Amino acid sequence: MALTQEGTPCWADAMFSDVEGAKRFYGDVLGWTFGEASSEYGNYTQAYVDGKSVAAVVPPMPGAEGQSAWCVYLASADVKATAAKVRENGGEVLMEPMQVGDFGSMLLARDPSGVVFGAWQAGVHKGFEVTGVPGAYAWCEIFTREPEKSDAFFPAVFGYGAKQLKDPEVDFRIFDVGGNTVMGRMKMTEDFPPQVPPYINIYFTVQDCDATVKSATERGGILRFGPVTTPFGRFAALSDPQGASFSVIDPSTTEGRMPGTSDVT
């Protein structure tokens, strides 16, 4: 398997106080199955779609009980070098680079606007084994109230190119690596409650957005936005019963013309 390009989203996991509840919810809503919990690594449990790993769930670390959130990991060729770049560009390393057996090495960090993310240096675990199919990772976006900070930080750390969406109604930027679009950045508006911190929103692919929303809300999830059809697909934003935010998108159902972009220098 080819090395994932630096800065490309390559993995996602979330902490849950009720791991069994999370497994039931995502199993029902996204069709995930789960492997055995790895007691050696804090009962880290991988989720699968058709036998291919797509994410993981894990109990919270001591002191983090009740704090459920999805974390997106960006590919790094050297997490120690990434940690240095995080600090050099005004970010904070929350968890120092650590090796996870022969699976790889990781760190957790926060950008200057408050966005928490991970970096993953692959060992035998390369990351997502499949993307873009129902139940698997589709896309992610940085949501921040201070876009100028994120816009300077992430390209400096991961070498992104950037393009700005030509839309006076929304402040949206696209980051790319080697010409491949990898992530978006959205400015948080006043519609977001002040207690909601900046974060990276993860999208999972689904076959039918409306049916998935119905399934999620029937199982205790909360609909935050949508469903709405866009040129990129029909999507909705949700929170699971333990408060972790995520979105679902059916990329086959589209409406409207793709917006133009302008290069950022």
C-alpha atoms as a PDB file:
ATOM      1  CA  MET A   1       0.000   0.000   0.000  1.00  0.00           C
ATOM      2  CA  ALA A   2       1.422   3.384  -1.028  1.00  0.00           C
ATOM      3  CA  LEU A   3       2.313   5.858   1.667  1.00  0.00           C
ATOM      4  CA  THR A   4      -0.560   8.265   2.276  1.00  0.00           C
ATOM      5  CA  GLN A   5       0.463  11.804   1.337  1.00  0.00           C
ATOM      6  CA  GLU A   6       1.397  14.102   4.227  1.00  0.00           C
ATOM      7  CA  GLY A   7      -1.634  15.899   5.631  1.00  0.00           C
ATOM      8  CA  THR A   8      -4.244  13.596   4.125  1.00  0.00           C
ATOM      9  CA  PRO A   9      -6.960  12.497   6.588  1.00  0.00           C
ATOM     10  CA  CYS A  10      -6.135   8.837   7.167  1.00  0.00           C
ATOM     11  CA  TRP A  11      -7.978   7.664  10.309  1.00  0.00           C
ATOM     12  CA  ALA A  12     -10.697   8.567  12.815  1.00  0.00           C
ATOM     13  CA  ASP A  13     -11.649   7.420  16.279  1.00  0.00           C
ATOM     14  CA  ALA A  14     -13.785   8.547  19.192  1.00  0.00           C
ATOM     15  CA  MET A  15     -13.894   8.079  22.963  1.00  0.00           C
ATOM     16  CA  PHE A  16     -17.152   6.913  24.517  1.00  0.00           C
ATOM     17  CA  SER A  17     -18.007   6.346  28.166  1.00  0.00           C
ATOM     18  CA  ASP A  18     -20.546   3.786  26.943  1.00  0.00           C
ATOM     19  CA  VAL A  19     -18.578   1.917  24.279  1.00  0.00           C
ATOM     20  CA  GLU A  20     -21.201  -0.810  23.927  1.00  0.00           C
ATOM     21  CA  GLY A  21     -23.867   1.870  23.384  1.00  0.00           C
ATOM     22  CA  ALA A  22     -21.697   3.513  20.716  1.00  0.00           C
ATOM     23  CA  LYS A  23     -21.210   0.164  18.989  1.00  0.00           C
ATOM     24  CA  ARG A  24     -24.966  -0.434  18.916  1.00  0.00           C
ATOM     25  CA  PHE A  25     -25.680   3.065  17.586  1.00  0.00           C
ATOM     26  CA  TYR A  26     -23.092   3.122  14.804  1.00  0.00           C
ATOM     27  CA  GLY A  27     -23.702  -0.532  14.007  1.00  0.00           C
ATOM     28  CA  ASP A  28     -27.387   0.192  13.437  1.00  0.00           C
ATOM     29  CA  VAL A  29     -26.945   3.583  11.741  1.00  0.00           C
ATOM     30  CA  LEU A  30     -23.842   3.006   9.592  1.00  0.00           C
ATOM     31  CA  GLY A  31     -23.777  -0.780   9.384  1.00  0.00           C
ATOM     32  CA  TRP A  32     -20.494  -1.183  11.251  1.00  0.00           C
ATOM     33  CA  THR A  33     -19.275  -4.421  12.716  1.00  0.00           C
ATOM     34  CA  PHE A  34     -16.578  -4.500  15.384  1.00  0.00           C
ATOM     35  CA  GLY A  35     -13.441  -6.442  16.141  1.00  0.00           C
ATOM     36  CA  GLU A  36     -12.215  -7.592  19.520  1.00  0.00           C
ATOM     37  CA  ALA A  37     -11.248  -4.902  22.032  1.00  0.00           C
ATOM     38  CA  SER A  38      -7.477  -4.616  22.378  1.00  0.00           C
ATOM     39  CA  SER A  39      -6.865  -4.654  26.133  1.00  0.00           C
ATOM     40  CA  GLU A  40      -3.182  -3.911  25.530  1.00  0.00           C
ATOM     41  CA  TYR A  41      -4.165  -0.567  23.986  1.00  0.00           C
ATOM     42  CA  GLY A  42      -6.920   0.652  26.305  1.00  0.00           C
ATOM     43  CA  ASN A  43      -9.666  -1.562  24.813  1.00  0.00           C
ATOM     44  CA  TYR A  44      -9.314   0.171  21.455  1.00  0.00           C
ATOM     45  CA  THR A  45     -11.898  -1.429  19.166  1.00  0.00           C
ATOM     46  CA  GLN A  46     -11.862  -1.144  15.384  1.00  0.00           C
ATOM     47  CA  ALA A  47     -15.012  -0.787  13.286  1.00  0.00           C
ATOM     48  CA  TYR A  48     -15.416  -2.473   9.905  1.00  0.00           C
ATOM     49  CA  VAL A  49     -17.481  -2.234   6.740  1.00  0.00           C
ATOM     50  CA  ASP A  50     -17.455  -5.472   4.746  1.00  0.00           C
ATOM     51  CA  GLY A  51     -14.382  -6.568   6.676  1.00  0.00           C
ATOM     52  CA  LYS A  52     -12.381  -3.390   6.012  1.00  0.00           C
ATOM     53  CA  SER A  53     -11.443  -1.047   8.872  1.00  0.00           C
ATOM     54  CA  VAL A  54     -13.100   2.379   8.778  1.00  0.00           C
ATOM     55  CA  ALA A  55     -12.788   3.832  12.313  1.00  0.00           C
ATOM     56  CA  ALA A  56     -12.412   2.901  15.975  1.00  0.00           C
ATOM     57  CA  VAL A  57     -14.057   3.452  19.348  1.00  0.00           C
ATOM     58  CA  VAL A  58     -12.343   3.476  22.718  1.00  0.00           C
ATOM     59  CA  PRO A  59     -13.214   4.151  26.388  1.00  0.00           C
ATOM     60  CA  PRO A  60     -12.219   7.624  27.641  1.00  0.00           C
ATOM     61  CA  MET A  61      -8.901   8.289  29.274  1.00  0.00           C
ATOM     62  CA  PRO A  62      -9.021   8.985  33.015  1.00  0.00           C
ATOM     63  CA  GLY A  63     -10.413  12.466  33.595  1.00  0.00           C
ATOM     64  CA  ALA A  64     -12.089  12.611  30.165  1.00  0.00           C
ATOM     65  CA  GLU A  65     -15.233  10.687  31.077  1.00  0.00           C
ATOM     66  CA  GLY A  66     -18.333  12.055  29.376  1.00  0.00           C
ATOM     67  CA  GLN A  67     -16.340  13.862  26.669  1.00  0.00           C
ATOM     68  CA  SER A  68     -17.252  12.219  23.387  1.00  0.00           C
ATOM     69  CA  ALA A  69     -15.907  13.618  20.124  1.00  0.00           C
ATOM     70  CA  TRP A  70     -14.607  12.288  16.838  1.00  0.00           C
ATOM     71  CA  CYS A  71     -10.913  12.856  16.187  1.00  0.00           C
ATOM     72  CA  VAL A  72      -9.523  12.939  12.645  1.00  0.00           C
ATOM     73  CA  TYR A  73      -5.885  11.951  12.129  1.00  0.00           C
ATOM     74  CA  LEU A  74      -3.768  13.508   9.380  1.00  0.00           C
ATOM     75  CA  ALA A  75      -1.001  11.468   7.766  1.00  0.00           C
ATOM     76  CA  SER A  76       2.520  12.286   8.898  1.00  0.00           C
ATOM     77  CA  ALA A  77       5.825  10.881   7.670  1.00  0.00           C
ATOM     78  CA  ASP A  78       7.383  11.760  11.035  1.00  0.00           C
ATOM     79  CA  VAL A  79       5.188  12.685  14.006  1.00  0.00           C
ATOM     80  CA  LYS A  80       8.138  14.135  15.922  1.00  0.00           C
ATOM     81  CA  ALA A  81       8.795  16.541  13.059  1.00  0.00           C
ATOM     82  CA  THR A  82       5.060  17.308  12.911  1.00  0.00           C
ATOM     83  CA  ALA A  83       5.057  18.099  16.644  1.00  0.00           C
ATOM     84  CA  ALA A  84       7.891  20.556  16.108  1.00  0.00           C
ATOM     85  CA  LYS A  85       6.007  22.248  13.261  1.00  0.00           C
ATOM     86  CA  VAL A  86       2.859  22.456  15.405  1.00  0.00           C
ATOM     87  CA  ARG A  87       4.772  24.346  18.089  1.00  0.00           C
ATOM     88  CA  GLU A  88       6.673  26.527  15.590  1.00  0.00           C
ATOM     89  CA  ASN A  89       3.375  27.711  14.120  1.00  0.00           C
ATOM     90  CA  GLY A  90       1.562  28.576  17.341  1.00  0.00           C
ATOM     91  CA  GLY A  91      -0.198  25.284  17.985  1.00  0.00           C
ATOM     92  CA  GLU A  92      -0.158  23.117  21.098  1.00  0.00           C
ATOM     93  CA  VAL A  93       0.841  19.471  21.383  1.00  0.00           C
ATOM     94  CA  LEU A  94      -1.735  17.842  23.668  1.00  0.00           C
ATOM     95  CA  MET A  95      -0.285  14.335  23.543  1.00  0.00           C
ATOM     96  CA  GLU A  96       3.398  13.956  22.766  1.00  0.00           C
ATOM     97  CA  PRO A  97       4.396  11.639  19.923  1.00  0.00           C
ATOM     98  CA  MET A  98       4.037   8.049  21.053  1.00  0.00           C
ATOM     99  CA  GLN A  99       4.547   4.699  19.394  1.00  0.00           C
ATOM    100  CA  VAL A 100       1.591   2.317  19.384  1.00  0.00           C
ATOM    101  CA  GLY A 101       3.280  -1.058  19.087  1.00  0.00           C
ATOM    102  CA  ASP A 102       4.035  -1.868  15.470  1.00  0.00           C
ATOM    103  CA  PHE A 103       0.785  -0.190  14.354  1.00  0.00           C
ATOM    104  CA  GLY A 104       2.403   3.241  14.033  1.00  0.00           C
ATOM    105  CA  SER A 105       2.997   6.447  15.973  1.00  0.00           C
ATOM    106  CA  MET A 106       0.607   9.251  16.886  1.00  0.00           C
ATOM    107  CA  LEU A 107       0.185  12.633  18.484  1.00  0.00           C
ATOM    108  CA  LEU A 108      -2.730  14.871  19.410  1.00  0.00           C
ATOM    109  CA  ALA A 109      -2.533  18.620  18.872  1.00  0.00           C
ATOM    110  CA  ARG A 110      -4.573  21.807  18.816  1.00  0.00           C
ATOM    111  CA  ASP A 111      -4.286  24.596  16.275  1.00  0.00           C
ATOM    112  CA  PRO A 112      -4.145  28.271  17.370  1.00  0.00           C
ATOM    113  CA  SER A 113      -7.924  28.639  16.895  1.00  0.00           C
ATOM    114  CA  GLY A 114      -8.707  25.664  19.158  1.00  0.00           C
ATOM    115  CA  VAL A 115      -9.220  22.853  16.625  1.00  0.00           C
ATOM    116  CA  VAL A 116      -8.094  19.471  17.999  1.00  0.00           C
ATOM    117  CA  PHE A 117      -6.689  16.910  15.567  1.00  0.00           C
ATOM    118  CA  GLY A 118      -4.386  13.920  15.470  1.00  0.00           C
ATOM    119  CA  ALA A 119      -1.396  12.988  13.331  1.00  0.00           C
ATOM    120  CA  TRP A 120      -0.618   9.396  12.402  1.00  0.00           C
ATOM    121  CA  GLN A 121       2.693   7.965  11.209  1.00  0.00           C
ATOM    122  CA  ALA A 122       1.794   4.607   9.751  1.00  0.00           C
ATOM    123  CA  GLY A 123       3.387   1.340  10.734  1.00  0.00           C
ATOM    124  CA  VAL A 124       1.471  -1.833   9.926  1.00  0.00           C
ATOM    125  CA  HIS A 125      -1.770   0.124  10.392  1.00  0.00           C
ATOM    126  CA  LYS A 126      -1.972   2.377   7.327  1.00  0.00           C
ATOM    127  CA  GLY A 127      -5.326   3.947   8.209  1.00  0.00           C
ATOM    128  CA  PHE A 128      -8.679   3.667   6.464  1.00  0.00           C
ATOM    129  CA  GLU A 129      -8.824   0.433   4.468  1.00  0.00           C
ATOM    130  CA  VAL A 130     -11.704   1.811   2.424  1.00  0.00           C
ATOM    131  CA  THR A 131     -13.274   5.247   1.906  1.00  0.00           C
ATOM    132  CA  GLY A 132     -16.215   6.615  -0.036  1.00  0.00           C
ATOM    133  CA  VAL A 133     -18.436   3.541   0.326  1.00  0.00           C
ATOM    134  CA  PRO A 134     -21.528   3.372   2.583  1.00  0.00           C
ATOM    135  CA  GLY A 135     -20.442   3.442   6.224  1.00  0.00           C
ATOM    136  CA  ALA A 136     -16.904   4.640   5.488  1.00  0.00           C
ATOM    137  CA  TYR A 137     -15.141   7.999   5.692  1.00  0.00           C
ATOM    138  CA  ALA A 138     -16.116  10.507   3.011  1.00  0.00           C
ATOM    139  CA  TRP A 139     -14.769  13.962   3.919  1.00  0.00           C
ATOM    140  CA  CYS A 140     -13.900  16.316   6.775  1.00  0.00           C
ATOM    141  CA  GLU A 141     -13.995  20.047   7.446  1.00  0.00           C
ATOM    142  CA  ILE A 142     -12.371  22.312   9.995  1.00  0.00           C
ATOM    143  CA  PHE A 143     -14.993  24.434  11.764  1.00  0.00           C
ATOM    144  CA  THR A 144     -13.449  27.494  13.412  1.00  0.00           C
ATOM    145  CA  ARG A 145     -14.450  30.980  14.539  1.00  0.00           C
ATOM    146  CA  GLU A 146     -10.971  32.282  13.670  1.00  0.00           C
ATOM    147  CA  PRO A 147     -10.342  31.058  10.124  1.00  0.00           C
ATOM    148  CA  GLU A 148      -7.301  33.249   9.604  1.00  0.00           C
ATOM    149  CA  LYS A 149      -5.482  31.260  12.305  1.00  0.00           C
ATOM    150  CA  SER A 150      -6.351  27.848  10.859  1.00  0.00           C
ATOM    151  CA  ASP A 151      -5.667  29.094   7.318  1.00  0.00           C
ATOM    152  CA  ALA A 152      -2.103  29.986   8.305  1.00  0.00           C
ATOM    153  CA  PHE A 153      -1.457  27.009  10.578  1.00  0.00           C
ATOM    154  CA  PHE A 154      -2.468  23.936   8.579  1.00  0.00           C
ATOM    155  CA  PRO A 155      -0.646  24.826   5.332  1.00  0.00           C
ATOM    156  CA  ALA A 156       2.467  25.689   7.361  1.00  0.00           C
ATOM    157  CA  VAL A 157       2.409  22.331   9.175  1.00  0.00           C
ATOM    158  CA  PHE A 158       1.249  20.037   6.364  1.00  0.00           C
ATOM    159  CA  GLY A 159       2.199  21.905   3.194  1.00  0.00           C
ATOM    160  CA  TYR A 160      -1.335  22.362   1.910  1.00  0.00           C
ATOM    161  CA  GLY A 161      -2.249  24.391  -1.120  1.00  0.00           C
ATOM    162  CA  ALA A 162      -5.453  26.386  -0.654  1.00  0.00           C
ATOM    163  CA  LYS A 163      -8.411  27.647  -2.659  1.00  0.00           C
ATOM    164  CA  GLN A 164     -11.230  29.902  -1.488  1.00  0.00           C
ATOM    165  CA  LEU A 165     -14.838  29.237  -2.453  1.00  0.00           C
ATOM    166  CA  LYS A 166     -16.330  32.062  -4.527  1.00  0.00           C
ATOM    167  CA  ASP A 167     -19.487  32.506  -2.475  1.00  0.00           C
ATOM    168  CA  PRO A 168     -20.327  35.750  -0.637  1.00  0.00           C
ATOM    169  CA  GLU A 169     -22.683  33.844   1.663  1.00  0.00           C
ATOM    170  CA  VAL A 170     -20.108  31.515   3.169  1.00  0.00           C
ATOM    171  CA  ASP A 171     -16.445  31.643   4.171  1.00  0.00           C
ATOM    172  CA  PHE A 172     -15.180  28.262   2.975  1.00  0.00           C
ATOM    173  CA  ARG A 173     -11.666  27.185   2.010  1.00  0.00           C
ATOM    174  CA  ILE A 174     -10.367  23.969   0.460  1.00  0.00           C
ATOM    175  CA  PHE A 175      -6.970  22.450   1.251  1.00  0.00           C
ATOM    176  CA  ASP A 176      -5.158  20.190  -1.188  1.00  0.00           C
ATOM    177  CA  VAL A 177      -2.043  18.015  -1.230  1.00  0.00           C
ATOM    178  CA  GLY A 178      -0.291  17.464  -4.525  1.00  0.00           C
ATOM    179  CA  GLY A 179      -3.366  18.655  -6.389  1.00  0.00           C
ATOM    180  CA  ASN A 180      -5.691  16.299  -4.465  1.00  0.00           C
ATOM    181  CA  THR A 181      -8.411  17.971  -2.400  1.00  0.00           C
ATOM    182  CA  VAL A 182      -8.186  16.572   1.133  1.00  0.00           C
ATOM    183  CA  MET A 183     -10.079  18.809   3.563  1.00  0.00           C
ATOM    184  CA  GLY A 184     -12.281  21.872   3.907  1.00  0.00           C
ATOM    185  CA  ARG A 185     -12.369  24.811   6.312  1.00  0.00           C
ATOM    186  CA  MET A 186     -15.617  26.512   7.292  1.00  0.00           C
ATOM    187  CA  LYS A 187     -15.994  29.659   9.370  1.00  0.00           C
ATOM    188  CA  MET A 188     -18.389  29.053  12.252  1.00  0.00           C
ATOM    189  CA  THR A 189     -21.307  31.470  12.161  1.00  0.00           C
ATOM    190  CA  GLU A 190     -23.490  32.788  14.968  1.00  0.00           C
ATOM    191  CA  ASP A 191     -25.743  29.775  14.378  1.00  0.00           C
ATOM    192  CA  PHE A 192     -23.256  27.746  16.418  1.00  0.00           C
ATOM    193  CA  PRO A 193     -23.904  27.982  20.168  1.00  0.00           C
ATOM    194  CA  PRO A 194     -20.950  29.656  21.936  1.00  0.00           C
ATOM    195  CA  GLN A 195     -20.307  26.542  24.022  1.00  0.00           C
ATOM    196  CA  VAL A 196     -19.523  24.502  20.886  1.00  0.00           C
ATOM    197  CA  PRO A 197     -15.727  24.553  20.490  1.00  0.00           C
ATOM    198  CA  PRO A 198     -13.927  24.594  17.132  1.00  0.00           C
ATOM    199  CA  TYR A 199     -13.572  21.079  15.748  1.00  0.00           C
ATOM    200  CA  ILE A 200     -13.037  18.921  12.673  1.00  0.00           C
ATOM    201  CA  ASN A 201     -16.360  17.610  11.394  1.00  0.00           C
ATOM    202  CA  ILE A 202     -16.216  14.132   9.889  1.00  0.00           C
ATOM    203  CA  TYR A 203     -18.572  12.923   7.148  1.00  0.00           C
ATOM    204  CA  PHE A 204     -19.492   9.281   6.612  1.00  0.00           C
ATOM    205  CA  THR A 205     -20.859   8.048   3.282  1.00  0.00           C
ATOM    206  CA  VAL A 206     -24.425   6.696   3.226  1.00  0.00           C
ATOM    207  CA  GLN A 207     -26.732   5.374   0.519  1.00  0.00           C
ATOM    208  CA  ASP A 208     -29.780   7.333   1.675  1.00  0.00           C
ATOM    209  CA  CYS A 209     -29.281  10.447   3.810  1.00  0.00           C
ATOM    210  CA  ASP A 210     -32.913  10.759   4.910  1.00  0.00           C
ATOM    211  CA  ALA A 211     -33.191   7.110   5.907  1.00  0.00           C
ATOM    212  CA  THR A 212     -29.933   7.383   7.869  1.00  0.00           C
ATOM    213  CA  VAL A 213     -31.160  10.503   9.697  1.00  0.00           C
ATOM    214  CA  LYS A 214     -34.385   8.688  10.588  1.00  0.00           C
ATOM    215  CA  SER A 215     -32.427   5.695  11.874  1.00  0.00           C
ATOM    216  CA  ALA A 216     -30.094   7.922  13.921  1.00  0.00           C
ATOM    217  CA  THR A 217     -32.831  10.016  15.535  1.00  0.00           C
ATOM    218  CA  GLU A 218     -34.898   6.927  16.361  1.00  0.00           C
ATOM    219  CA  ARG A 219     -31.858   5.660  18.285  1.00  0.00           C
ATOM    220  CA  GLY A 220     -31.264   8.799  20.324  1.00  0.00           C
ATOM    221  CA  GLY A 221     -29.225  10.864  17.878  1.00  0.00           C
ATOM    222  CA  ILE A 222     -29.981  14.555  17.402  1.00  0.00           C
ATOM    223  CA  LEU A 223     -30.390  16.205  13.996  1.00  0.00           C
ATOM    224  CA  ARG A 224     -28.396  19.452  13.974  1.00  0.00           C
ATOM    225  CA  PHE A 225     -28.746  20.506  10.334  1.00  0.00           C
ATOM    226  CA  GLY A 226     -30.394  19.279   7.140  1.00  0.00           C
ATOM    227  CA  PRO A 227     -30.896  17.103   5.314  1.00  0.00           C
ATOM    228  CA  VAL A 228     -30.065  19.402   2.407  1.00  0.00           C
ATOM    229  CA  THR A 229     -29.052  18.678  -1.167  1.00  0.00           C
ATOM    230  CA  THR A 230     -25.959  20.453  -2.515  1.00  0.00           C
ATOM    231  CA  PRO A 231     -23.693  20.089  -5.573  1.00  0.00           C
ATOM    232  CA  PHE A 232     -21.535  17.794  -3.409  1.00  0.00           C
ATOM    233  CA  GLY A 233     -24.356  15.516  -2.245  1.00  0.00           C
ATOM    234  CA  ARG A 234     -27.280  15.330   0.155  1.00  0.00           C
ATOM    235  CA  PHE A 235     -26.031  15.622   3.722  1.00  0.00           C
ATOM    236  CA  ALA A 236     -27.074  16.169   7.320  1.00  0.00           C
ATOM    237  CA  ALA A 237     -25.256  17.030  10.547  1.00  0.00           C
ATOM    238  CA  LEU A 238     -25.987  14.932  13.630  1.00  0.00           C
ATOM    239  CA  SER A 239     -24.906  14.257  17.189  1.00  0.00           C
ATOM    240  CA  ASP A 240     -24.895  10.715  18.532  1.00  0.00           C
ATOM    241  CA  PRO A 241     -26.567   9.878  21.878  1.00  0.00           C
ATOM    242  CA  GLN A 242     -23.303  10.570  23.744  1.00  0.00           C
ATOM    243  CA  GLY A 243     -22.791  13.984  22.130  1.00  0.00           C
ATOM    244  CA  ALA A 244     -20.196  13.252  19.424  1.00  0.00           C
ATOM    245  CA  SER A 245     -20.887  15.306  16.302  1.00  0.00           C
ATOM    246  CA  PHE A 246     -20.645  13.843  12.804  1.00  0.00           C
ATOM    247  CA  SER A 247     -22.247  14.220   9.405  1.00  0.00           C
ATOM    248  CA  VAL A 248     -23.553  11.808   6.792  1.00  0.00           C
ATOM    249  CA  ILE A 249     -23.589  12.364   3.041  1.00  0.00           C
ATOM    250  CA  ASP A 250     -25.069  10.639   0.015  1.00  0.00           C
ATOM    251  CA  PRO A 251     -22.712  11.858  -2.751  1.00  0.00           C
ATOM    252  CA  SER A 252     -24.902  10.371  -5.497  1.00  0.00           C
ATOM    253  CA  THR A 253     -27.782  12.806  -4.811  1.00  0.00           C
ATOM    254  CA  THR A 254     -26.740  16.267  -5.972  1.00  0.00           C
ATOM    255  CA  GLU A 255     -28.358  19.545  -6.910  1.00  0.00           C
ATOM    256  CA  GLY A 256     -27.024  22.804  -8.322  1.00  0.00           C
ATOM    257  CA  ARG A 257     -23.792  23.824  -9.987  1.00  0.00           C
ATOM    258  CA  MET A 258     -20.388  23.324  -8.409  1.00  0.00           C
ATOM    259  CA  PRO A 259     -19.158  26.654  -6.988  1.00  0.00           C
ATOM    260  CA  GLY A 260     -16.056  28.285  -8.387  1.00  0.00           C
ATOM    261  CA  THR A 261     -12.837  28.714  -6.422  1.00  0.00           C
ATOM    262  CA  SER A 262      -9.927  31.109  -6.457  1.00  0.00           C
ATOM    263  CA  ASP A 263      -6.298  30.332  -5.613  1.00  0.00           C
ATOM    264  CA  VAL A 264      -4.976  31.622  -2.310  1.00  0.00           C
ATOM    265  CA  THR A 265      -1.497  33.104  -2.344  1.00  0.00           C
END
